[in-house]
Amino acid sequence: MRYTTDQTTNRSVRLRKLFTAALAIGCGLSAATHAAAQSLTPPTTPTLITPPVGSVAFLLGRAQGTQGYVCLPKDGGASWTVNNARPEATLFQTVFGQDVQIITHFLSPNTNPNKFAPDPLPFANATWQSSFDTSKVWAQTQQFIKAGTDQNSCPNSGSIACLLLQVIGSLPGPTGGKSLTKTTYIQRLNTNGGSAPDEGCATTADVGKQTLVPYTADYWFFRGGN
């Protein structure tokens, strides 16, 4: 009888855990869907990194991740790949006081370029992929401001730049999900950290070194205002 009771207790614990996990996923999906359905109000930004008139913010993800740098030869010495950093980050929304993953951010080949994509395409572009329906967008930097030059949207001096990115490709998820495919512009704001180190890459002896620098940022997703 004790064995049967233990089995029942363990089964109940497993069921509660499964229910809690399913509830968290459902809440996260609901939050993302709700955010996509409403108009958010992004911070006022300098004209240089403000999306075109008519653009509407529909989603905000708060990122935690790293910027990856490689030490390469330059002018007889060496330098970190500042203009070609490799992003790896997870974007979250807060639901009932808990952070819920909504998007992953990384580099990948653009497999469905649009008319704004460069020709030829680089080997990879910055990518954002939905954690719910796996739809994705690729984007490239259109304009930037240095961190610390705008207290409202980019206040942290010494951090990676704040950006306006234009979408250069998109792809629905394998089951037809399109939560991100309507994106036309992305802003990276409120950056903190992520800049290449000041040391460790100066001579040819340093070539080949790699480093990952932690950063946080707010990513605002915009669609056309139709």
Protein backbone atom coordinates (compact mmCIF):
# COMPACT_ATOMS: atom_id res chain seq x y z
CA MET A 1 0.00 0.00 0.00
CA ARG A 2 2.89 2.41 0.79
CA TYR A 3 4.37 1.78 -2.68
CA THR A 4 1.05 2.65 -4.32
CA THR A 5 0.74 5.83 -2.24
CA ASP A 6 4.26 6.93 -3.22
CA GLN A 7 3.50 6.30 -6.87
CA THR A 8 0.33 8.37 -6.64
CA THR A 9 2.20 11.22 -4.89
CA ASN A 10 4.99 11.23 -7.47
CA ARG A 11 2.45 11.19 -10.29
CA SER A 12 0.65 14.16 -8.75
CA VAL A 13 3.91 16.10 -8.43
CA ARG A 14 4.75 15.41 -12.08
CA LEU A 15 1.30 16.49 -13.19
CA ARG A 16 1.56 19.74 -11.19
CA LYS A 17 4.94 20.46 -12.78
CA LEU A 18 3.57 19.78 -16.26
CA PHE A 19 0.57 22.00 -15.59
CA THR A 20 2.82 24.81 -14.30
CA ALA A 21 5.06 24.55 -17.37
CA ALA A 22 2.09 24.53 -19.73
CA LEU A 23 0.59 27.54 -17.93
CA ALA A 24 3.86 29.48 -18.22
CA ILE A 25 4.10 28.72 -21.94
CA GLY A 26 0.48 29.66 -22.45
CA CYS A 27 0.92 32.92 -20.58
CA GLY A 28 4.02 33.75 -22.57
CA LEU A 29 2.28 33.05 -25.85
CA SER A 30 -0.71 35.10 -24.72
CA ALA A 31 1.59 37.96 -23.75
CA ALA A 32 3.37 37.92 -27.09
CA THR A 33 0.07 37.74 -28.96
CA HIS A 34 -1.36 40.57 -26.89
CA ALA A 35 1.72 42.71 -27.45
CA ALA A 36 1.53 42.08 -31.17
CA ALA A 37 -2.08 43.18 -31.20
CA GLN A 38 -1.61 46.50 -29.47
CA SER A 39 0.32 49.67 -30.17
CA LEU A 40 3.22 50.17 -27.79
CA THR A 41 4.90 53.48 -27.11
CA PRO A 42 8.67 53.34 -27.60
CA PRO A 43 10.92 56.05 -26.15
CA THR A 44 11.58 59.16 -28.20
CA THR A 45 14.81 58.67 -30.14
CA PRO A 46 17.10 60.86 -32.23
CA THR A 47 15.90 61.24 -35.82
CA LEU A 48 18.87 59.24 -37.08
CA ILE A 49 17.63 56.00 -35.47
CA THR A 50 13.87 56.65 -35.59
CA PRO A 51 11.85 54.39 -37.94
CA PRO A 52 10.04 56.12 -40.85
CA VAL A 53 6.79 57.97 -40.26
CA GLY A 54 3.90 55.51 -40.12
CA SER A 55 5.87 52.75 -38.43
CA VAL A 56 4.08 51.22 -35.43
CA ALA A 57 5.79 49.47 -32.52
CA PHE A 58 4.11 46.12 -31.84
CA LEU A 59 6.56 44.17 -29.69
CA LEU A 60 9.26 44.81 -27.07
CA GLY A 61 11.82 42.22 -26.03
CA ARG A 62 14.38 42.78 -23.29
CA ALA A 63 17.59 41.02 -24.27
CA GLN A 64 20.25 39.29 -22.22
CA GLY A 65 23.19 37.88 -24.12
CA THR A 66 26.70 38.35 -25.44
CA GLN A 67 28.53 40.03 -28.28
CA GLY A 68 31.25 37.80 -29.71
CA TYR A 69 34.50 39.23 -31.07
CA VAL A 70 37.45 37.70 -32.93
CA CYS A 71 40.97 39.17 -33.02
CA LEU A 72 42.07 39.62 -36.64
CA PRO A 73 45.09 41.20 -38.36
CA LYS A 74 44.91 44.96 -39.03
CA ASP A 75 47.51 47.50 -40.21
CA GLY A 76 50.46 45.39 -39.15
CA GLY A 77 48.90 44.67 -35.78
CA ALA A 78 45.53 43.29 -34.75
CA SER A 79 42.05 44.47 -33.80
CA TRP A 80 38.80 43.03 -32.48
CA THR A 81 36.05 42.61 -35.09
CA VAL A 82 34.10 45.58 -33.76
CA ASN A 83 32.02 46.04 -36.94
CA ASN A 84 31.23 42.34 -37.20
CA ALA A 85 30.33 41.29 -33.69
CA ARG A 86 28.47 38.00 -33.29
CA PRO A 87 25.28 38.44 -31.23
CA GLU A 88 23.79 35.65 -29.15
CA ALA A 89 20.90 36.69 -26.93
CA THR A 90 17.53 35.74 -25.55
CA LEU A 91 14.67 38.25 -25.50
CA PHE A 92 12.17 38.19 -22.64
CA GLN A 93 8.86 39.67 -21.58
CA THR A 94 7.74 39.77 -17.95
CA VAL A 95 4.50 37.86 -17.33
CA PHE A 96 3.02 37.82 -13.81
CA GLY A 97 6.43 38.75 -12.43
CA GLN A 98 8.25 35.97 -14.32
CA ASP A 99 10.53 36.42 -17.34
CA VAL A 100 9.23 34.46 -20.33
CA GLN A 101 11.42 33.82 -23.35
CA ILE A 102 9.84 35.17 -26.55
CA ILE A 103 12.65 35.45 -29.12
CA THR A 104 16.20 34.24 -29.75
CA HIS A 105 18.76 36.50 -31.46
CA PHE A 106 21.75 35.17 -33.39
CA LEU A 107 23.52 35.16 -36.76
CA SER A 108 22.29 32.98 -39.61
CA PRO A 109 22.18 32.93 -43.43
CA ASN A 110 19.31 34.95 -44.92
CA THR A 111 17.34 32.29 -46.79
CA ASN A 112 14.46 34.52 -47.91
CA PRO A 113 15.83 38.00 -48.74
CA ASN A 114 13.55 40.89 -49.66
CA LYS A 115 14.14 43.85 -51.98
CA PHE A 116 16.18 45.69 -49.31
CA ALA A 117 18.73 42.89 -48.93
CA PRO A 118 22.26 43.55 -50.23
CA ASP A 119 23.48 41.70 -53.29
CA PRO A 120 25.52 39.65 -52.77
CA LEU A 121 24.33 38.63 -49.32
CA PRO A 122 26.91 38.34 -46.54
CA PHE A 123 27.54 34.89 -45.12
CA ALA A 124 25.10 35.66 -42.28
CA ASN A 125 22.82 38.40 -40.97
CA ALA A 126 21.46 39.34 -37.56
CA THR A 127 18.44 37.11 -36.96
CA TRP A 128 15.47 37.18 -34.58
CA GLN A 129 13.38 34.01 -34.26
CA SER A 130 10.12 33.62 -32.35
CA SER A 131 10.25 31.13 -29.50
CA PHE A 132 6.56 30.30 -30.12
CA ASP A 133 6.00 29.82 -33.86
CA THR A 134 9.68 29.93 -35.05
CA SER A 135 8.96 32.65 -37.61
CA LYS A 136 12.07 34.77 -38.17
CA VAL A 137 13.38 38.01 -39.60
CA TRP A 138 16.82 39.14 -40.74
CA ALA A 139 17.89 42.76 -40.50
CA GLN A 140 20.88 44.99 -41.18
CA THR A 141 21.99 48.21 -39.50
CA GLN A 142 20.69 51.32 -41.23
CA GLN A 143 21.87 53.96 -38.74
CA PHE A 144 23.39 54.12 -35.25
CA ILE A 145 24.24 56.48 -32.40
CA LYS A 146 27.00 56.03 -29.86
CA ALA A 147 25.93 54.91 -26.41
CA GLY A 148 25.79 57.80 -23.97
CA THR A 149 24.76 60.39 -26.57
CA ASP A 150 21.03 60.30 -25.82
CA GLN A 151 19.94 60.10 -22.19
CA ASN A 152 16.39 59.11 -23.13
CA SER A 153 17.10 56.07 -25.27
CA CYS A 154 20.82 55.28 -25.17
CA PRO A 155 22.29 56.56 -21.90
CA ASN A 156 25.07 54.11 -21.01
CA SER A 157 28.45 55.41 -22.21
CA GLY A 158 30.95 52.76 -23.26
CA SER A 159 28.26 50.26 -24.25
CA ILE A 160 27.53 49.01 -27.75
CA ALA A 161 25.78 51.46 -30.07
CA CYS A 162 22.03 51.95 -30.30
CA LEU A 163 20.73 50.99 -33.72
CA LEU A 164 17.99 51.31 -36.30
CA LEU A 165 17.87 48.11 -38.34
CA GLN A 166 15.88 47.49 -41.49
CA VAL A 167 14.43 44.06 -42.16
CA ILE A 168 16.03 42.45 -45.22
CA GLY A 169 14.25 39.10 -45.11
CA SER A 170 11.61 37.10 -43.27
CA LEU A 171 10.32 33.55 -43.12
CA PRO A 172 7.18 32.00 -41.58
CA GLY A 173 7.55 29.11 -39.17
CA PRO A 174 7.16 25.52 -40.45
CA THR A 175 3.49 25.45 -39.41
CA GLY A 176 2.72 28.85 -40.93
CA GLY A 177 3.40 31.08 -37.92
CA LYS A 178 3.95 34.73 -38.83
CA SER A 179 4.29 36.57 -35.53
CA LEU A 180 7.53 38.27 -36.64
CA THR A 181 7.21 38.37 -40.43
CA LYS A 182 5.34 41.69 -40.42
CA THR A 183 8.40 43.41 -38.91
CA THR A 184 9.85 46.21 -41.05
CA TYR A 185 12.28 47.88 -38.61
CA ILE A 186 13.96 47.00 -35.32
CA GLN A 187 15.47 49.39 -32.80
CA ARG A 188 18.19 48.33 -30.36
CA LEU A 189 18.00 50.77 -27.45
CA ASN A 190 19.12 51.16 -23.84
CA THR A 191 22.24 49.10 -24.44
CA ASN A 192 24.40 48.20 -21.47
CA GLY A 193 27.75 46.46 -21.96
CA GLY A 194 28.75 44.44 -25.00
CA SER A 195 31.65 46.56 -26.27
CA ALA A 196 34.89 44.92 -27.40
CA PRO A 197 37.64 44.87 -24.77
CA ASP A 198 40.30 47.58 -24.78
CA GLU A 199 43.01 44.96 -24.33
CA GLY A 200 43.94 41.50 -25.54
CA CYS A 201 44.10 42.18 -29.29
CA ALA A 202 46.96 44.45 -30.34
CA THR A 203 49.71 42.38 -31.97
CA THR A 204 49.87 39.58 -34.51
CA ALA A 205 50.51 37.20 -31.61
CA ASP A 206 46.92 37.89 -30.45
CA VAL A 207 45.34 36.97 -33.80
CA GLY A 208 42.77 34.22 -33.40
CA LYS A 209 41.72 35.07 -29.87
CA GLN A 210 37.97 35.20 -29.21
CA THR A 211 35.91 36.78 -26.48
CA LEU A 212 32.24 36.98 -25.44
CA VAL A 213 31.14 40.21 -23.76
CA PRO A 214 27.82 40.24 -21.85
CA TYR A 215 25.21 42.88 -22.73
CA THR A 216 21.59 43.80 -22.23
CA ALA A 217 19.35 45.88 -24.49
CA ASP A 218 15.77 46.63 -25.43
CA TYR A 219 14.67 45.50 -28.89
CA TRP A 220 11.62 47.28 -30.32
CA PHE A 221 9.87 45.68 -33.31
CA PHE A 222 7.96 47.86 -35.79
CA ARG A 223 5.52 47.12 -38.59
CA GLY A 224 4.10 49.32 -41.33
CA GLY A 225 1.26 51.55 -40.22
CA ASN A 226 -1.38 50.16 -42.55
